[in-house]
Amino acid sequence: MESVAHPSLDTPLIEHLTDLGQARQIALGCVRCDLAATRTQVVFGEGVPTARLMLVGEGPGAEEDRQGRPFVGRAGQLLDAAIAQAGLSRDQVYVTNVVRCRPVKVSDAHLENRPPRAGEIGACRVWMDAELRLVAPRALLCLGAVAAKALIDKDLRLLEARGQWLSGPRGIAALATLHPSYVLRQRDPEARDRARRMLVEDLSLAARALTPA
């Protein structure tokens, strides 16, 4: 699907937006990639408009697509619990994804989640950049390899990089950690507990970004 010409979706205009709420409203009509054809609605980021910590995942799932909010499904519930365990609350951070429409594939006549493709991430980068510019977080926590590769380094190896402060977009200090859905996919209880501990450890490290300088 080709992008449909629409003045409000021109990249130069988006790059000069000064209001996060306006950016969200304009993004709701985005047709910059073919995910617009299968989504229920755009899932823009949400949270404190001036948050010092931004959490970025890969893309909305089925429940997020239904509600129009990021991280509200099972992975989101696990993330909220991990955030609390790290001594934070959801209302202290800003949460978003590298794509704002649910990437899907057809399996047995049903839609299933899939990782976003490079072209989809690229098409949505203008919204990612707008959120980074308008929120201006002090620190960035990338949830999963897709977000980490998109925002930190395309060659990043997640398990080797986690726990280390790296240079993110706009010079923002960035960390990479496990995606909550990865934790949920671990069938072995010990593996799941270990993955959850890693997530909480990295959230605790990121939480230090909320400490006044």
Protein backbone atom coordinates (compact mmCIF):
# COMPACT_ATOMS: atom_id res chain seq x y z
CA MET A 1 0.00 0.00 0.00
CA GLU A 2 1.44 3.35 -1.04
CA SER A 3 1.30 6.34 1.26
CA VAL A 4 -1.69 8.52 0.55
CA ALA A 5 -0.90 12.21 0.05
CA HIS A 6 -2.20 14.15 3.01
CA PRO A 7 -0.79 17.51 4.15
CA SER A 8 -0.99 16.62 7.85
CA LEU A 9 1.18 13.55 7.28
CA ASP A 10 4.01 15.33 5.49
CA THR A 11 7.31 14.56 7.20
CA PRO A 12 8.43 18.23 7.43
CA LEU A 13 5.19 19.16 9.21
CA ILE A 14 5.51 16.28 11.69
CA GLU A 15 9.12 17.22 12.35
CA HIS A 16 8.03 20.71 13.39
CA LEU A 17 5.14 19.76 15.68
CA THR A 18 5.48 21.24 19.15
CA ASP A 19 2.57 19.51 20.91
CA LEU A 20 2.44 15.82 21.79
CA GLY A 21 -1.37 15.76 21.81
CA GLN A 22 -1.48 17.21 18.31
CA ALA A 23 1.07 14.65 17.14
CA ARG A 24 -1.12 11.88 18.55
CA GLN A 25 -4.23 13.18 16.79
CA ILE A 26 -2.46 13.45 13.45
CA ALA A 27 -0.90 9.99 13.85
CA LEU A 28 -4.36 8.43 14.22
CA GLY A 29 -4.87 8.94 10.49
CA CYS A 30 -1.44 7.71 9.43
CA VAL A 31 -1.22 5.71 6.20
CA ARG A 32 2.55 5.75 5.78
CA CYS A 33 2.80 1.94 5.43
CA ASP A 34 0.65 -1.10 4.70
CA LEU A 35 -0.08 -1.77 8.37
CA ALA A 36 -2.83 0.82 7.99
CA ALA A 37 -4.80 -1.74 5.98
CA THR A 38 -4.99 -4.34 8.77
CA ARG A 39 -5.01 -2.31 11.98
CA THR A 40 -8.08 -1.54 14.05
CA GLN A 41 -6.52 1.73 15.19
CA VAL A 42 -3.20 3.47 15.65
CA VAL A 43 -1.61 2.88 19.06
CA PHE A 44 0.33 6.03 19.92
CA GLY A 45 2.54 6.28 22.97
CA GLU A 46 1.17 7.35 26.33
CA GLY A 47 2.39 8.51 29.70
CA VAL A 48 3.98 11.55 31.27
CA PRO A 49 4.58 14.10 28.47
CA THR A 50 7.81 15.18 30.18
CA ALA A 51 8.89 11.75 31.47
CA ARG A 52 12.59 11.32 32.12
CA LEU A 53 12.32 7.62 31.20
CA MET A 54 10.82 6.27 27.96
CA LEU A 55 10.12 2.56 27.43
CA VAL A 56 9.98 1.40 23.79
CA GLY A 57 8.71 -1.97 22.59
CA GLU A 58 8.35 -3.34 19.06
CA GLY A 59 4.66 -2.96 18.25
CA PRO A 60 1.08 -3.33 19.46
CA GLY A 61 -0.52 -6.74 19.93
CA ALA A 62 -4.17 -7.74 19.59
CA GLU A 63 -5.34 -6.18 22.86
CA GLU A 64 -3.43 -2.97 22.21
CA ASP A 65 -4.94 -2.80 18.72
CA ARG A 66 -8.39 -3.22 20.28
CA GLN A 67 -7.96 -0.64 23.05
CA GLY A 68 -5.70 1.82 21.25
CA ARG A 69 -3.19 1.88 24.13
CA PRO A 70 0.35 0.44 24.36
CA PHE A 71 1.20 -2.50 26.64
CA VAL A 72 -2.25 -3.35 27.98
CA GLY A 73 -2.29 -7.08 27.17
CA ARG A 74 -0.55 -9.92 29.05
CA ALA A 75 2.89 -8.52 28.25
CA GLY A 76 1.77 -5.12 29.46
CA GLN A 77 0.49 -6.56 32.71
CA LEU A 78 3.83 -8.27 33.29
CA LEU A 79 5.62 -5.02 32.43
CA ASP A 80 3.51 -3.07 34.92
CA ALA A 81 4.36 -5.59 37.65
CA ALA A 82 8.07 -5.42 36.77
CA ILE A 83 7.94 -1.61 36.78
CA ALA A 84 6.43 -1.71 40.26
CA GLN A 85 9.02 -4.23 41.44
CA ALA A 86 11.72 -1.84 40.21
CA GLY A 87 10.26 0.87 42.44
CA LEU A 88 8.47 2.82 39.73
CA SER A 89 4.91 3.22 38.52
CA ARG A 90 3.46 3.44 35.03
CA ASP A 91 2.49 7.08 35.60
CA GLN A 92 6.17 8.03 35.96
CA VAL A 93 7.21 6.92 32.48
CA TYR A 94 6.28 7.24 28.82
CA VAL A 95 5.57 3.98 26.95
CA THR A 96 5.53 3.50 23.18
CA ASN A 97 6.64 1.19 20.34
CA VAL A 98 8.81 1.49 17.24
CA VAL A 99 5.65 0.91 15.16
CA ARG A 100 2.22 2.18 16.15
CA CYS A 101 0.06 -0.30 14.25
CA ARG A 102 -0.20 -4.02 14.94
CA PRO A 103 1.96 -6.13 12.57
CA VAL A 104 0.06 -9.29 11.69
CA LYS A 105 0.27 -12.45 9.60
CA VAL A 106 -2.55 -14.81 8.61
CA SER A 107 -2.36 -18.26 10.18
CA ASP A 108 -5.23 -20.75 9.84
CA ALA A 109 -7.52 -17.90 8.80
CA HIS A 110 -6.63 -15.96 11.97
CA LEU A 111 -4.45 -12.90 12.44
CA GLU A 112 -1.34 -13.48 14.54
CA ASN A 113 1.30 -11.08 15.77
CA ARG A 114 4.63 -10.89 13.95
CA PRO A 115 7.71 -8.68 14.31
CA PRO A 116 7.53 -5.43 12.35
CA ARG A 117 9.48 -5.33 9.09
CA ALA A 118 12.30 -2.89 8.42
CA GLY A 119 10.19 -0.86 6.00
CA GLU A 120 7.39 -0.55 8.55
CA ILE A 121 9.81 0.59 11.24
CA GLY A 122 11.27 3.09 8.79
CA ALA A 123 7.86 4.44 7.83
CA CYS A 124 6.95 4.88 11.50
CA ARG A 125 10.30 6.43 12.44
CA VAL A 126 8.91 9.93 11.96
CA TRP A 127 6.49 9.30 14.86
CA MET A 128 9.23 7.73 16.99
CA ASP A 129 11.41 10.76 16.38
CA ALA A 130 8.52 13.10 17.19
CA GLU A 131 7.89 11.36 20.52
CA LEU A 132 11.59 11.41 21.41
CA ARG A 133 11.83 15.10 20.55
CA LEU A 134 8.65 16.18 22.32
CA VAL A 135 9.00 14.05 25.45
CA ALA A 136 12.79 14.57 25.58
CA PRO A 137 13.49 11.73 28.06
CA ARG A 138 16.75 11.54 29.95
CA ALA A 139 16.94 7.78 29.38
CA LEU A 140 15.54 5.18 27.03
CA LEU A 141 14.82 1.51 27.79
CA CYS A 142 14.40 -0.64 24.67
CA LEU A 143 12.18 -3.65 25.35
CA GLY A 144 13.40 -6.43 23.10
CA ALA A 145 15.88 -6.79 20.26
CA VAL A 146 13.65 -5.20 17.62
CA ALA A 147 13.48 -1.88 19.46
CA ALA A 148 17.14 -2.04 20.50
CA LYS A 149 18.33 -2.66 16.94
CA ALA A 150 16.08 0.11 15.61
CA LEU A 151 17.12 2.73 18.15
CA ILE A 152 20.61 1.81 19.39
CA ASP A 153 22.54 -0.34 16.93
CA LYS A 154 21.32 -2.58 14.11
CA ASP A 155 24.03 -5.12 15.00
CA LEU A 156 23.29 -5.12 18.74
CA ARG A 157 23.18 -8.49 20.52
CA LEU A 158 20.67 -8.12 23.28
CA LEU A 159 22.01 -10.52 25.91
CA GLU A 160 25.53 -9.14 25.46
CA ALA A 161 24.39 -5.50 25.56
CA ARG A 162 21.87 -5.57 28.41
CA GLY A 163 22.96 -3.85 31.59
CA GLN A 164 25.16 -1.39 29.71
CA TRP A 165 24.39 2.27 29.05
CA LEU A 166 24.70 2.91 25.31
CA SER A 167 24.20 5.90 23.05
CA GLY A 168 20.65 6.11 21.72
CA PRO A 169 18.93 8.48 19.30
CA ARG A 170 19.35 12.23 19.90
CA GLY A 171 22.22 11.38 22.24
CA ILE A 172 19.86 9.88 24.82
CA ALA A 173 21.39 7.33 27.19
CA ALA A 174 19.88 3.95 26.30
CA LEU A 175 19.57 0.46 27.75
CA ALA A 176 18.40 -2.75 26.09
CA THR A 177 16.44 -5.41 27.94
CA LEU A 178 14.16 -8.38 27.36
CA HIS A 179 10.68 -7.83 25.98
CA PRO A 180 7.95 -8.87 28.46
CA SER A 181 6.48 -11.18 25.82
CA TYR A 182 9.80 -13.05 25.73
CA VAL A 183 9.47 -13.63 29.47
CA LEU A 184 5.96 -15.01 28.96
CA ARG A 185 7.15 -17.38 26.24
CA GLN A 186 9.52 -19.18 28.61
CA ARG A 187 7.79 -22.46 29.46
CA ASP A 188 10.31 -23.60 32.02
CA PRO A 189 9.53 -21.91 35.35
CA GLU A 190 13.19 -21.36 36.17
CA ALA A 191 13.86 -19.82 32.76
CA ARG A 192 10.83 -17.57 33.13
CA ASP A 193 11.90 -16.46 36.62
CA ARG A 194 15.42 -15.76 35.37
CA ALA A 195 14.14 -13.72 32.43
CA ARG A 196 11.81 -11.76 34.68
CA ARG A 197 14.67 -10.98 37.06
CA MET A 198 16.70 -9.65 34.14
CA LEU A 199 13.83 -7.38 33.13
CA VAL A 200 13.43 -6.06 36.68
CA GLU A 201 17.19 -5.54 37.02
CA ASP A 202 17.29 -3.46 33.86
CA LEU A 203 14.21 -1.48 34.87
CA SER A 204 15.86 -0.78 38.22
CA LEU A 205 18.96 0.47 36.44
CA ALA A 206 16.84 2.65 34.17
CA ALA A 207 14.96 3.98 37.19
CA ARG A 208 18.07 5.84 38.22
CA ALA A 209 17.34 8.17 35.31
CA LEU A 210 14.46 9.52 37.42
CA THR A 211 16.85 10.61 40.18
CA PRO A 212 17.44 14.37 39.91
CA ALA A 213 20.90 15.22 38.70
